[in-house]
N, C-alpha and C. Protein backbone atom coordinates (compact mmCIF):
# COMPACT_ATOMS: atom_id res chain seq x y z
N MET A 1 0.84 -1.19 0.00
CA MET A 1 0.00 0.01 0.00
C MET A 1 0.89 1.25 0.01
N MET A 2 0.42 2.24 -0.72
CA MET A 2 1.16 3.51 -0.82
C MET A 2 1.23 4.21 0.54
N HIS A 3 2.42 4.77 0.86
CA HIS A 3 2.59 5.56 2.09
C HIS A 3 1.92 6.91 1.89
N ILE A 4 0.98 7.25 2.77
CA ILE A 4 0.30 8.53 2.67
C ILE A 4 0.26 9.19 4.05
N PRO A 5 1.09 10.18 4.31
CA PRO A 5 0.95 10.93 5.56
C PRO A 5 -0.44 11.53 5.65
N SER A 6 -0.96 11.66 6.87
CA SER A 6 -2.36 12.09 7.03
C SER A 6 -2.65 13.43 6.38
N ALA A 7 -1.66 14.34 6.38
CA ALA A 7 -1.89 15.66 5.80
C ALA A 7 -1.97 15.62 4.28
N MET A 8 -1.57 14.51 3.68
CA MET A 8 -1.56 14.39 2.20
C MET A 8 -2.68 13.51 1.68
N GLN A 9 -3.54 12.99 2.56
CA GLN A 9 -4.64 12.14 2.11
C GLN A 9 -5.68 12.94 1.35
N MET A 10 -6.11 12.39 0.21
CA MET A 10 -7.17 13.02 -0.56
C MET A 10 -8.53 12.54 -0.08
N PRO A 11 -9.51 13.42 -0.02
CA PRO A 11 -10.89 12.94 0.18
C PRO A 11 -11.35 12.21 -1.10
N LEU A 12 -12.36 11.37 -0.94
CA LEU A 12 -12.82 10.55 -2.06
C LEU A 12 -13.22 11.40 -3.26
N GLU A 13 -13.88 12.51 -3.05
CA GLU A 13 -14.30 13.37 -4.17
C GLU A 13 -13.10 13.84 -4.98
N GLN A 14 -12.03 14.22 -4.29
CA GLN A 14 -10.84 14.69 -4.99
C GLN A 14 -10.16 13.54 -5.72
N ALA A 15 -10.13 12.34 -5.12
CA ALA A 15 -9.55 11.19 -5.78
C ALA A 15 -10.31 10.82 -7.03
N HIS A 16 -11.65 10.84 -6.95
CA HIS A 16 -12.46 10.58 -8.11
C HIS A 16 -12.19 11.58 -9.22
N ALA A 17 -12.07 12.85 -8.84
CA ALA A 17 -11.86 13.89 -9.85
C ALA A 17 -10.51 13.70 -10.56
N LEU A 18 -9.49 13.29 -9.80
CA LEU A 18 -8.19 13.02 -10.44
C LEU A 18 -8.28 11.86 -11.43
N VAL A 19 -8.97 10.78 -11.03
CA VAL A 19 -9.11 9.62 -11.95
C VAL A 19 -9.82 10.05 -13.21
N GLU A 20 -10.83 10.88 -13.11
CA GLU A 20 -11.55 11.34 -14.31
C GLU A 20 -10.71 12.24 -15.17
N ALA A 21 -9.92 13.09 -14.56
CA ALA A 21 -9.11 14.06 -15.33
C ALA A 21 -7.87 13.42 -15.92
N PHE A 22 -7.29 12.41 -15.24
CA PHE A 22 -6.06 11.77 -15.70
C PHE A 22 -6.34 10.26 -15.81
N SER A 23 -7.19 9.92 -16.77
CA SER A 23 -7.83 8.60 -16.79
C SER A 23 -7.02 7.52 -17.46
N PHE A 24 -5.82 7.81 -17.91
CA PHE A 24 -4.95 6.77 -18.50
C PHE A 24 -4.14 6.14 -17.37
N GLY A 25 -4.56 4.94 -16.94
CA GLY A 25 -3.99 4.32 -15.78
C GLY A 25 -3.10 3.15 -16.09
N VAL A 26 -2.45 2.63 -15.06
CA VAL A 26 -1.61 1.44 -15.15
C VAL A 26 -2.25 0.36 -14.31
N LEU A 27 -2.69 -0.72 -14.94
CA LEU A 27 -3.33 -1.84 -14.25
C LEU A 27 -2.23 -2.86 -13.92
N VAL A 28 -2.10 -3.17 -12.62
CA VAL A 28 -1.05 -4.09 -12.16
C VAL A 28 -1.71 -5.29 -11.49
N SER A 29 -1.23 -6.48 -11.83
CA SER A 29 -1.81 -7.71 -11.25
C SER A 29 -0.68 -8.59 -10.70
N ASP A 30 -1.05 -9.77 -10.19
CA ASP A 30 -0.07 -10.71 -9.67
C ASP A 30 1.04 -10.97 -10.69
N GLY A 31 2.24 -11.21 -10.17
CA GLY A 31 3.38 -11.44 -11.06
C GLY A 31 3.96 -10.14 -11.61
N LEU A 32 3.48 -9.02 -11.10
CA LEU A 32 3.93 -7.68 -11.53
C LEU A 32 3.67 -7.46 -13.01
N GLN A 33 2.64 -8.07 -13.54
CA GLN A 33 2.22 -7.75 -14.91
C GLN A 33 1.52 -6.40 -14.89
N ALA A 34 1.77 -5.59 -15.91
CA ALA A 34 1.18 -4.26 -15.94
C ALA A 34 0.81 -3.88 -17.37
N THR A 35 -0.35 -3.24 -17.51
CA THR A 35 -0.82 -2.75 -18.81
C THR A 35 -1.33 -1.33 -18.63
N HIS A 36 -1.01 -0.46 -19.57
CA HIS A 36 -1.46 0.92 -19.58
C HIS A 36 -2.76 1.01 -20.37
N LEU A 37 -3.80 1.53 -19.74
CA LEU A 37 -5.14 1.53 -20.34
C LEU A 37 -5.91 2.81 -20.02
N PRO A 38 -6.79 3.26 -20.91
CA PRO A 38 -7.73 4.33 -20.55
C PRO A 38 -8.89 3.72 -19.77
N PHE A 39 -9.41 4.47 -18.80
CA PHE A 39 -10.49 3.98 -17.97
C PHE A 39 -11.61 5.01 -17.91
N LEU A 40 -12.81 4.50 -17.66
CA LEU A 40 -13.96 5.34 -17.35
C LEU A 40 -14.37 5.01 -15.91
N LEU A 41 -14.63 6.05 -15.11
CA LEU A 41 -15.08 5.87 -13.74
C LEU A 41 -16.57 6.18 -13.64
N VAL A 42 -17.30 5.26 -13.03
CA VAL A 42 -18.71 5.50 -12.68
C VAL A 42 -18.73 5.69 -11.15
N ARG A 43 -18.84 6.92 -10.73
CA ARG A 43 -18.68 7.23 -9.31
C ARG A 43 -19.72 6.56 -8.41
N ASP A 44 -20.97 6.52 -8.88
CA ASP A 44 -22.05 6.08 -7.99
C ASP A 44 -22.39 4.61 -8.13
N GLU A 45 -21.52 3.84 -8.76
CA GLU A 45 -21.73 2.41 -8.87
C GLU A 45 -20.85 1.69 -7.84
N GLY A 46 -21.44 1.27 -6.75
CA GLY A 46 -20.68 0.69 -5.64
C GLY A 46 -20.30 1.75 -4.64
N GLU A 47 -19.72 1.28 -3.51
CA GLU A 47 -19.38 2.20 -2.41
C GLU A 47 -18.33 3.23 -2.82
N TYR A 48 -17.33 2.79 -3.61
CA TYR A 48 -16.23 3.69 -3.99
C TYR A 48 -16.21 3.98 -5.49
N GLY A 49 -17.16 3.44 -6.23
CA GLY A 49 -17.19 3.62 -7.68
C GLY A 49 -16.74 2.35 -8.40
N THR A 50 -16.82 2.40 -9.72
CA THR A 50 -16.45 1.28 -10.57
C THR A 50 -15.69 1.79 -11.78
N LEU A 51 -14.64 1.07 -12.18
CA LEU A 51 -13.87 1.42 -13.37
C LEU A 51 -14.25 0.50 -14.51
N TYR A 52 -14.27 1.08 -15.71
CA TYR A 52 -14.49 0.30 -16.95
C TYR A 52 -13.37 0.59 -17.92
N GLY A 53 -13.01 -0.42 -18.69
CA GLY A 53 -11.97 -0.25 -19.72
C GLY A 53 -11.95 -1.46 -20.63
N HIS A 54 -10.92 -1.52 -21.45
CA HIS A 54 -10.78 -2.69 -22.34
C HIS A 54 -9.34 -2.93 -22.69
N PHE A 55 -9.03 -4.23 -22.86
CA PHE A 55 -7.74 -4.70 -23.32
C PHE A 55 -7.80 -4.98 -24.82
N ALA A 56 -6.66 -4.92 -25.47
CA ALA A 56 -6.53 -5.56 -26.77
C ALA A 56 -6.51 -7.06 -26.54
N ARG A 57 -7.32 -7.81 -27.30
CA ARG A 57 -7.36 -9.25 -27.11
C ARG A 57 -6.01 -9.89 -27.31
N ALA A 58 -5.17 -9.29 -28.14
CA ALA A 58 -3.85 -9.84 -28.41
C ALA A 58 -2.91 -9.75 -27.20
N ASN A 59 -3.27 -8.90 -26.23
CA ASN A 59 -2.47 -8.76 -25.00
C ASN A 59 -2.84 -9.91 -24.07
N PRO A 60 -1.92 -10.82 -23.76
CA PRO A 60 -2.27 -11.96 -22.93
C PRO A 60 -2.57 -11.65 -21.46
N HIS A 61 -2.30 -10.43 -21.05
CA HIS A 61 -2.46 -10.04 -19.65
C HIS A 61 -3.89 -10.31 -19.15
N TRP A 62 -4.91 -10.10 -19.96
CA TRP A 62 -6.29 -10.21 -19.51
C TRP A 62 -6.71 -11.65 -19.21
N ARG A 63 -6.02 -12.62 -19.75
CA ARG A 63 -6.52 -13.99 -19.75
C ARG A 63 -6.71 -14.60 -18.36
N ASP A 64 -5.90 -14.21 -17.40
CA ASP A 64 -5.99 -14.80 -16.05
C ASP A 64 -6.54 -13.81 -15.01
N LEU A 65 -7.23 -12.76 -15.49
CA LEU A 65 -7.62 -11.70 -14.55
C LEU A 65 -9.06 -11.82 -14.04
N ASP A 66 -9.90 -12.61 -14.64
CA ASP A 66 -11.30 -12.65 -14.22
C ASP A 66 -11.40 -13.08 -12.75
N GLY A 67 -12.00 -12.24 -11.92
CA GLY A 67 -12.15 -12.50 -10.51
C GLY A 67 -10.95 -12.19 -9.65
N GLN A 68 -9.90 -11.63 -10.26
CA GLN A 68 -8.65 -11.35 -9.52
C GLN A 68 -8.65 -9.93 -8.94
N GLN A 69 -7.87 -9.77 -7.86
CA GLN A 69 -7.63 -8.46 -7.27
C GLN A 69 -6.55 -7.75 -8.06
N VAL A 70 -6.80 -6.51 -8.41
CA VAL A 70 -5.83 -5.73 -9.20
C VAL A 70 -5.64 -4.35 -8.57
N LEU A 71 -4.54 -3.72 -8.93
CA LEU A 71 -4.23 -2.35 -8.53
C LEU A 71 -4.14 -1.51 -9.80
N THR A 72 -4.83 -0.39 -9.81
CA THR A 72 -4.75 0.54 -10.94
C THR A 72 -4.25 1.89 -10.43
N ILE A 73 -3.22 2.39 -11.10
CA ILE A 73 -2.53 3.63 -10.64
C ILE A 73 -2.82 4.75 -11.63
N PHE A 74 -3.25 5.87 -11.11
CA PHE A 74 -3.52 7.06 -11.93
C PHE A 74 -2.59 8.18 -11.48
N ASN A 75 -1.69 8.57 -12.36
CA ASN A 75 -0.76 9.64 -12.07
C ASN A 75 -1.34 10.98 -12.49
N GLY A 76 -1.45 11.88 -11.53
CA GLY A 76 -1.87 13.25 -11.82
C GLY A 76 -0.67 14.11 -12.15
N PRO A 77 -0.81 15.42 -12.07
CA PRO A 77 0.29 16.31 -12.40
C PRO A 77 1.43 16.17 -11.38
N HIS A 78 2.64 16.45 -11.85
CA HIS A 78 3.82 16.33 -11.00
C HIS A 78 4.91 17.24 -11.57
N ALA A 79 5.80 17.67 -10.71
CA ALA A 79 6.89 18.56 -11.16
C ALA A 79 7.99 18.67 -10.10
N TYR A 80 9.16 18.99 -10.58
CA TYR A 80 10.33 19.27 -9.72
C TYR A 80 10.08 20.58 -8.99
N ILE A 81 10.47 20.60 -7.71
CA ILE A 81 10.38 21.81 -6.89
C ILE A 81 11.78 22.25 -6.47
N SER A 82 12.18 23.43 -6.91
CA SER A 82 13.52 23.94 -6.60
C SER A 82 13.58 24.53 -5.19
N PRO A 83 14.64 24.23 -4.45
CA PRO A 83 14.78 24.84 -3.11
C PRO A 83 14.97 26.35 -3.19
N THR A 84 15.34 26.87 -4.35
CA THR A 84 15.51 28.32 -4.47
C THR A 84 14.16 29.06 -4.44
N TRP A 85 13.06 28.32 -4.58
CA TRP A 85 11.74 28.95 -4.54
C TRP A 85 11.25 29.20 -3.11
N TYR A 86 11.90 28.57 -2.14
CA TYR A 86 11.47 28.72 -0.75
C TYR A 86 12.02 30.00 -0.14
N ALA A 87 11.22 30.59 0.73
CA ALA A 87 11.71 31.75 1.48
C ALA A 87 12.64 31.32 2.58
N GLY A 88 12.37 30.15 3.19
CA GLY A 88 13.20 29.65 4.27
C GLY A 88 14.38 28.87 3.73
N LYS A 89 15.55 29.09 4.30
CA LYS A 89 16.79 28.41 3.90
C LYS A 89 17.47 27.91 5.17
N PRO A 90 18.25 26.81 5.10
CA PRO A 90 18.52 26.02 3.91
C PRO A 90 17.32 25.15 3.54
N ALA A 91 17.34 24.60 2.32
CA ALA A 91 16.24 23.76 1.83
C ALA A 91 16.78 22.79 0.81
N VAL A 92 16.02 21.77 0.53
CA VAL A 92 16.45 20.74 -0.44
C VAL A 92 15.45 20.66 -1.58
N PRO A 93 15.89 20.14 -2.74
CA PRO A 93 14.94 19.94 -3.85
C PRO A 93 13.97 18.81 -3.49
N THR A 94 12.80 18.84 -4.13
CA THR A 94 11.82 17.76 -3.95
C THR A 94 10.98 17.65 -5.21
N TRP A 95 10.00 16.78 -5.15
CA TRP A 95 9.07 16.58 -6.26
C TRP A 95 7.67 16.61 -5.68
N ASN A 96 6.81 17.46 -6.26
CA ASN A 96 5.41 17.51 -5.83
C ASN A 96 4.55 16.77 -6.83
N TYR A 97 3.49 16.11 -6.36
CA TYR A 97 2.69 15.28 -7.26
C TYR A 97 1.34 14.96 -6.61
N ALA A 98 0.45 14.46 -7.46
CA ALA A 98 -0.83 13.93 -7.01
C ALA A 98 -1.02 12.58 -7.72
N VAL A 99 -1.47 11.59 -6.95
CA VAL A 99 -1.62 10.23 -7.50
C VAL A 99 -2.74 9.52 -6.78
N VAL A 100 -3.38 8.57 -7.48
CA VAL A 100 -4.44 7.78 -6.89
C VAL A 100 -4.18 6.31 -7.17
N HIS A 101 -4.27 5.46 -6.15
CA HIS A 101 -4.20 4.02 -6.30
C HIS A 101 -5.60 3.45 -6.04
N VAL A 102 -6.04 2.62 -6.97
CA VAL A 102 -7.37 2.01 -6.87
C VAL A 102 -7.20 0.50 -6.78
N GLU A 103 -7.80 -0.09 -5.75
CA GLU A 103 -7.79 -1.53 -5.58
C GLU A 103 -9.19 -2.07 -5.84
N GLY A 104 -9.27 -3.18 -6.57
CA GLY A 104 -10.59 -3.72 -6.86
C GLY A 104 -10.54 -5.10 -7.48
N THR A 105 -11.72 -5.66 -7.70
CA THR A 105 -11.86 -6.99 -8.29
C THR A 105 -12.24 -6.83 -9.78
N LEU A 106 -11.50 -7.49 -10.63
CA LEU A 106 -11.69 -7.35 -12.08
C LEU A 106 -12.62 -8.43 -12.59
N GLU A 107 -13.52 -8.02 -13.49
CA GLU A 107 -14.41 -8.96 -14.19
C GLU A 107 -14.26 -8.75 -15.67
N LEU A 108 -14.23 -9.84 -16.43
CA LEU A 108 -14.26 -9.77 -17.90
C LEU A 108 -15.71 -9.61 -18.34
N LEU A 109 -15.94 -8.82 -19.38
CA LEU A 109 -17.29 -8.52 -19.86
C LEU A 109 -17.56 -9.16 -21.23
N ASP A 110 -18.83 -9.37 -21.50
CA ASP A 110 -19.21 -9.95 -22.79
C ASP A 110 -19.15 -8.87 -23.88
N SER A 111 -19.41 -9.28 -25.13
CA SER A 111 -19.25 -8.37 -26.26
C SER A 111 -20.25 -7.22 -26.20
N SER A 112 -21.45 -7.46 -25.69
CA SER A 112 -22.45 -6.39 -25.62
C SER A 112 -21.99 -5.31 -24.64
N ALA A 113 -21.53 -5.74 -23.47
CA ALA A 113 -21.04 -4.76 -22.49
C ALA A 113 -19.79 -4.05 -22.98
N THR A 114 -18.92 -4.79 -23.71
CA THR A 114 -17.71 -4.18 -24.26
C THR A 114 -18.09 -3.11 -25.30
N ASN A 115 -19.08 -3.38 -26.13
CA ASN A 115 -19.53 -2.40 -27.11
C ASN A 115 -20.06 -1.15 -26.40
N ASP A 116 -20.75 -1.34 -25.29
CA ASP A 116 -21.26 -0.22 -24.51
C ASP A 116 -20.11 0.63 -23.96
N ILE A 117 -19.02 -0.03 -23.52
CA ILE A 117 -17.85 0.71 -23.05
C ILE A 117 -17.26 1.55 -24.17
N LEU A 118 -17.21 1.00 -25.38
CA LEU A 118 -16.69 1.76 -26.52
C LEU A 118 -17.51 3.03 -26.74
N ASP A 119 -18.85 2.88 -26.72
CA ASP A 119 -19.72 4.05 -26.91
C ASP A 119 -19.46 5.11 -25.82
N LYS A 120 -19.34 4.66 -24.58
CA LYS A 120 -19.15 5.62 -23.49
C LYS A 120 -17.77 6.25 -23.54
N THR A 121 -16.78 5.49 -24.02
CA THR A 121 -15.42 6.06 -24.16
C THR A 121 -15.41 7.14 -25.24
N LEU A 122 -16.07 6.83 -26.38
CA LEU A 122 -16.17 7.83 -27.43
C LEU A 122 -16.96 9.04 -26.96
N ALA A 123 -18.01 8.80 -26.22
CA ALA A 123 -18.84 9.93 -25.72
C ALA A 123 -18.01 10.86 -24.83
N LYS A 124 -17.04 10.31 -24.12
CA LYS A 124 -16.22 11.15 -23.25
C LYS A 124 -15.13 11.89 -24.04
N TYR A 125 -14.45 11.19 -24.95
CA TYR A 125 -13.26 11.76 -25.56
C TYR A 125 -13.51 12.41 -26.94
N GLU A 126 -14.45 11.90 -27.69
CA GLU A 126 -14.74 12.49 -29.00
C GLU A 126 -16.14 12.13 -29.43
N PRO A 127 -17.16 12.73 -28.83
CA PRO A 127 -18.54 12.34 -29.09
C PRO A 127 -18.97 12.50 -30.55
N GLU A 128 -18.28 13.37 -31.29
CA GLU A 128 -18.64 13.56 -32.68
C GLU A 128 -18.50 12.28 -33.48
N LEU A 129 -17.61 11.38 -33.05
CA LEU A 129 -17.41 10.14 -33.81
C LEU A 129 -18.61 9.21 -33.75
N LEU A 130 -19.46 9.38 -32.72
CA LEU A 130 -20.64 8.54 -32.63
C LEU A 130 -21.63 8.80 -33.77
N ASP A 131 -21.53 9.97 -34.37
CA ASP A 131 -22.41 10.35 -35.48
C ASP A 131 -21.62 10.58 -36.75
N ASP A 132 -20.50 9.88 -36.90
CA ASP A 132 -19.64 10.07 -38.08
C ASP A 132 -19.34 8.71 -38.72
N PRO A 133 -20.31 8.17 -39.48
CA PRO A 133 -20.11 6.85 -40.07
C PRO A 133 -19.02 6.79 -41.12
N ASP A 134 -18.64 7.95 -41.67
CA ASP A 134 -17.54 7.95 -42.64
C ASP A 134 -16.21 7.59 -41.98
N THR A 135 -16.03 8.06 -40.76
CA THR A 135 -14.79 7.78 -40.04
C THR A 135 -14.88 6.45 -39.28
N LEU A 136 -16.00 6.25 -38.56
CA LEU A 136 -16.17 5.05 -37.74
C LEU A 136 -17.48 4.39 -38.11
N SER A 137 -17.43 3.56 -39.12
CA SER A 137 -18.65 2.92 -39.61
C SER A 137 -19.06 1.75 -38.70
N ASP A 138 -20.33 1.35 -38.79
CA ASP A 138 -20.80 0.20 -38.05
C ASP A 138 -20.05 -1.07 -38.46
N ALA A 139 -19.74 -1.15 -39.77
CA ALA A 139 -19.02 -2.35 -40.27
C ALA A 139 -17.62 -2.43 -39.65
N LEU A 140 -16.97 -1.26 -39.52
CA LEU A 140 -15.62 -1.26 -38.92
C LEU A 140 -15.70 -1.63 -37.44
N ARG A 141 -16.69 -1.09 -36.75
CA ARG A 141 -16.85 -1.43 -35.33
C ARG A 141 -17.10 -2.92 -35.15
N ASP A 142 -17.97 -3.47 -36.01
CA ASP A 142 -18.28 -4.91 -35.91
C ASP A 142 -17.06 -5.76 -36.16
N ARG A 143 -16.19 -5.28 -37.02
CA ARG A 143 -14.97 -6.03 -37.35
C ARG A 143 -13.94 -5.94 -36.23
N LEU A 144 -13.89 -4.80 -35.57
CA LEU A 144 -12.87 -4.59 -34.55
C LEU A 144 -13.29 -5.05 -33.15
N LEU A 145 -14.61 -5.15 -32.91
CA LEU A 145 -15.07 -5.52 -31.57
C LEU A 145 -14.48 -6.84 -31.07
N PRO A 146 -14.37 -7.88 -31.91
CA PRO A 146 -13.77 -9.12 -31.40
C PRO A 146 -12.31 -8.99 -31.02
N ALA A 147 -11.67 -7.87 -31.39
CA ALA A 147 -10.25 -7.70 -31.10
C ALA A 147 -9.98 -7.07 -29.72
N ILE A 148 -11.08 -6.80 -28.95
CA ILE A 148 -10.89 -6.20 -27.64
C ILE A 148 -11.68 -6.99 -26.59
N VAL A 149 -11.28 -6.81 -25.34
CA VAL A 149 -11.92 -7.48 -24.21
C VAL A 149 -12.28 -6.44 -23.17
N GLY A 150 -13.57 -6.28 -22.92
CA GLY A 150 -14.03 -5.30 -21.93
C GLY A 150 -13.81 -5.78 -20.50
N ILE A 151 -13.54 -4.85 -19.60
CA ILE A 151 -13.34 -5.19 -18.18
C ILE A 151 -14.10 -4.21 -17.30
N ARG A 152 -14.47 -4.72 -16.11
CA ARG A 152 -15.05 -3.89 -15.05
C ARG A 152 -14.25 -4.17 -13.79
N ILE A 153 -13.90 -3.10 -13.07
CA ILE A 153 -13.20 -3.24 -11.79
C ILE A 153 -14.08 -2.65 -10.71
N ARG A 154 -14.58 -3.51 -9.84
CA ARG A 154 -15.41 -3.05 -8.73
C ARG A 154 -14.46 -2.60 -7.61
N ILE A 155 -14.45 -1.33 -7.33
CA ILE A 155 -13.47 -0.74 -6.41
C ILE A 155 -13.84 -1.08 -4.97
N HIS A 156 -12.85 -1.60 -4.23
CA HIS A 156 -13.07 -1.80 -2.79
C HIS A 156 -12.17 -0.92 -1.93
N ALA A 157 -11.24 -0.22 -2.53
CA ALA A 157 -10.42 0.76 -1.79
C ALA A 157 -9.83 1.75 -2.78
N ILE A 158 -9.77 3.01 -2.37
CA ILE A 158 -9.16 4.04 -3.22
C ILE A 158 -8.31 4.94 -2.32
N HIS A 159 -7.06 5.13 -2.70
CA HIS A 159 -6.11 5.88 -1.89
C HIS A 159 -5.52 7.01 -2.74
N GLY A 160 -5.79 8.24 -2.34
CA GLY A 160 -5.28 9.38 -3.06
C GLY A 160 -4.24 10.13 -2.23
N LYS A 161 -3.16 10.53 -2.89
CA LYS A 161 -2.08 11.27 -2.19
C LYS A 161 -1.80 12.57 -2.94
N ALA A 162 -1.84 13.67 -2.21
CA ALA A 162 -1.54 14.98 -2.78
C ALA A 162 -0.33 15.56 -2.03
N LYS A 163 0.85 15.31 -2.58
CA LYS A 163 2.08 15.85 -2.00
C LYS A 163 2.35 17.21 -2.66
N LEU A 164 1.82 18.25 -2.08
CA LEU A 164 1.82 19.56 -2.71
C LEU A 164 2.49 20.64 -1.88
N GLY A 165 3.16 20.26 -0.80
CA GLY A 165 3.89 21.23 0.00
C GLY A 165 2.98 22.12 0.84
N ARG A 166 1.77 21.67 1.12
CA ARG A 166 0.82 22.51 1.85
C ARG A 166 1.16 22.59 3.34
N HIS A 167 2.13 21.79 3.78
CA HIS A 167 2.57 21.85 5.18
C HIS A 167 3.58 22.96 5.40
N ARG A 168 4.08 23.53 4.31
CA ARG A 168 5.13 24.55 4.43
C ARG A 168 4.53 25.91 4.79
N SER A 169 5.41 26.86 5.10
CA SER A 169 4.96 28.20 5.49
C SER A 169 4.26 28.88 4.32
N PRO A 170 3.39 29.87 4.60
CA PRO A 170 2.75 30.59 3.50
C PRO A 170 3.76 31.23 2.55
N GLU A 171 4.91 31.68 3.09
CA GLU A 171 5.92 32.29 2.23
C GLU A 171 6.53 31.27 1.29
N ASP A 172 6.81 30.07 1.81
CA ASP A 172 7.37 29.01 0.98
C ASP A 172 6.35 28.60 -0.08
N GLN A 173 5.09 28.49 0.29
CA GLN A 173 4.06 28.09 -0.66
C GLN A 173 3.91 29.14 -1.76
N ALA A 174 4.03 30.41 -1.39
CA ALA A 174 3.94 31.49 -2.38
C ALA A 174 5.11 31.41 -3.37
N GLY A 175 6.29 31.03 -2.85
CA GLY A 175 7.44 30.90 -3.75
C GLY A 175 7.28 29.74 -4.72
N VAL A 176 6.75 28.63 -4.24
CA VAL A 176 6.50 27.48 -5.11
C VAL A 176 5.45 27.83 -6.14
N ASP A 177 4.40 28.53 -5.71
CA ASP A 177 3.36 28.96 -6.62
C ASP A 177 3.93 29.79 -7.78
N ALA A 178 4.79 30.74 -7.45
CA ALA A 178 5.39 31.59 -8.48
C ALA A 178 6.33 30.79 -9.36
N GLY A 179 7.13 29.89 -8.75
CA GLY A 179 8.06 29.09 -9.53
C GLY A 179 7.37 28.21 -10.53
N LEU A 180 6.27 27.55 -10.12
CA LEU A 180 5.52 26.69 -11.04
C LEU A 180 4.81 27.51 -12.11
N ARG A 181 4.21 28.60 -11.71
CA ARG A 181 3.42 29.41 -12.64
C ARG A 181 4.29 29.98 -13.75
N HIS A 182 5.51 30.35 -13.44
CA HIS A 182 6.38 31.00 -14.43
C HIS A 182 7.38 30.04 -15.10
N SER A 183 7.26 28.75 -14.79
CA SER A 183 8.19 27.76 -15.34
C SER A 183 7.98 27.59 -16.85
N ASN A 184 9.05 27.23 -17.55
CA ASN A 184 8.95 26.86 -18.95
C ASN A 184 8.54 25.42 -19.16
N ASP A 185 8.47 24.66 -18.08
CA ASP A 185 8.13 23.25 -18.14
C ASP A 185 6.60 23.08 -18.14
N PRO A 186 6.04 22.48 -19.18
CA PRO A 186 4.57 22.30 -19.20
C PRO A 186 4.04 21.50 -18.04
N GLN A 187 4.83 20.53 -17.55
CA GLN A 187 4.37 19.75 -16.39
C GLN A 187 4.27 20.61 -15.15
N ALA A 188 5.21 21.53 -14.99
CA ALA A 188 5.15 22.43 -13.83
C ALA A 188 3.93 23.32 -13.89
N ARG A 189 3.64 23.84 -15.07
CA ARG A 189 2.45 24.71 -15.20
C ARG A 189 1.16 23.91 -15.02
N GLN A 190 1.16 22.64 -15.44
CA GLN A 190 -0.02 21.79 -15.22
C GLN A 190 -0.24 21.54 -13.73
N LEU A 191 0.87 21.31 -13.00
CA LEU A 191 0.76 21.14 -11.56
C LEU A 191 0.24 22.40 -10.92
N TRP A 192 0.72 23.56 -11.35
CA TRP A 192 0.26 24.82 -10.80
C TRP A 192 -1.26 24.98 -11.01
N ARG A 193 -1.73 24.66 -12.23
CA ARG A 193 -3.18 24.79 -12.50
C ARG A 193 -3.98 23.83 -11.62
N TYR A 194 -3.45 22.62 -11.42
CA TYR A 194 -4.12 21.64 -10.58
C TYR A 194 -4.22 22.16 -9.14
N MET A 195 -3.13 22.72 -8.64
CA MET A 195 -3.12 23.23 -7.28
C MET A 195 -4.06 24.39 -7.08
N GLN A 196 -4.29 25.19 -8.14
CA GLN A 196 -5.25 26.29 -8.02
C GLN A 196 -6.69 25.79 -7.95
N ALA A 197 -6.90 24.62 -8.54
CA ALA A 197 -8.27 24.12 -8.70
C ALA A 197 -8.77 23.33 -7.49
N ILE A 198 -7.87 22.88 -6.62
CA ILE A 198 -8.30 22.04 -5.49
C ILE A 198 -8.31 22.85 -4.20
N PRO A 199 -9.15 22.49 -3.27
CA PRO A 199 -9.21 23.27 -2.00
C PRO A 199 -7.94 23.13 -1.19
N THR A 200 -7.61 24.15 -0.46
CA THR A 200 -6.41 24.13 0.38
C THR A 200 -6.72 23.51 1.71
């Protein structure tokens, strides 16, 4: 289990929001097998929510997963933090980040449920394709559907960690805020935007 100091624990609402915003996760199972997959979260299905996704059938990872416990990791924004940004000295460099670990039981789905996952995935990422038969025809979908395997993960635990330096002095936090905001690194600016959007 991930180490999470109490001051860095995310409430469930914030963890759900991170999974939805950074939905390309890493599914890890026994034997340290791992596959990178896009996921859809249904927040109100089960006590902690339910994840849906799909494997390429050619990927053998899915074959032994039905009924197994899995861990899915969602990495949010992260960036290097320079000690020169702190008002207090001496100081050391660090890395600030937000991450969510989801534990659950995986189930393989039939072709009808898998097709439904495809529709919902398109509806989230590019809904226009649902009404664009020239690009994504029914015949193409019918041909490709057997090449994927739908999955559902019933979540039984969700652990979110926000290591954002909120324990530091207001002056140090202001320095980090300015350093991230004015950085040339897109990851740093993404972390800054994330920090502005979540409650302190």
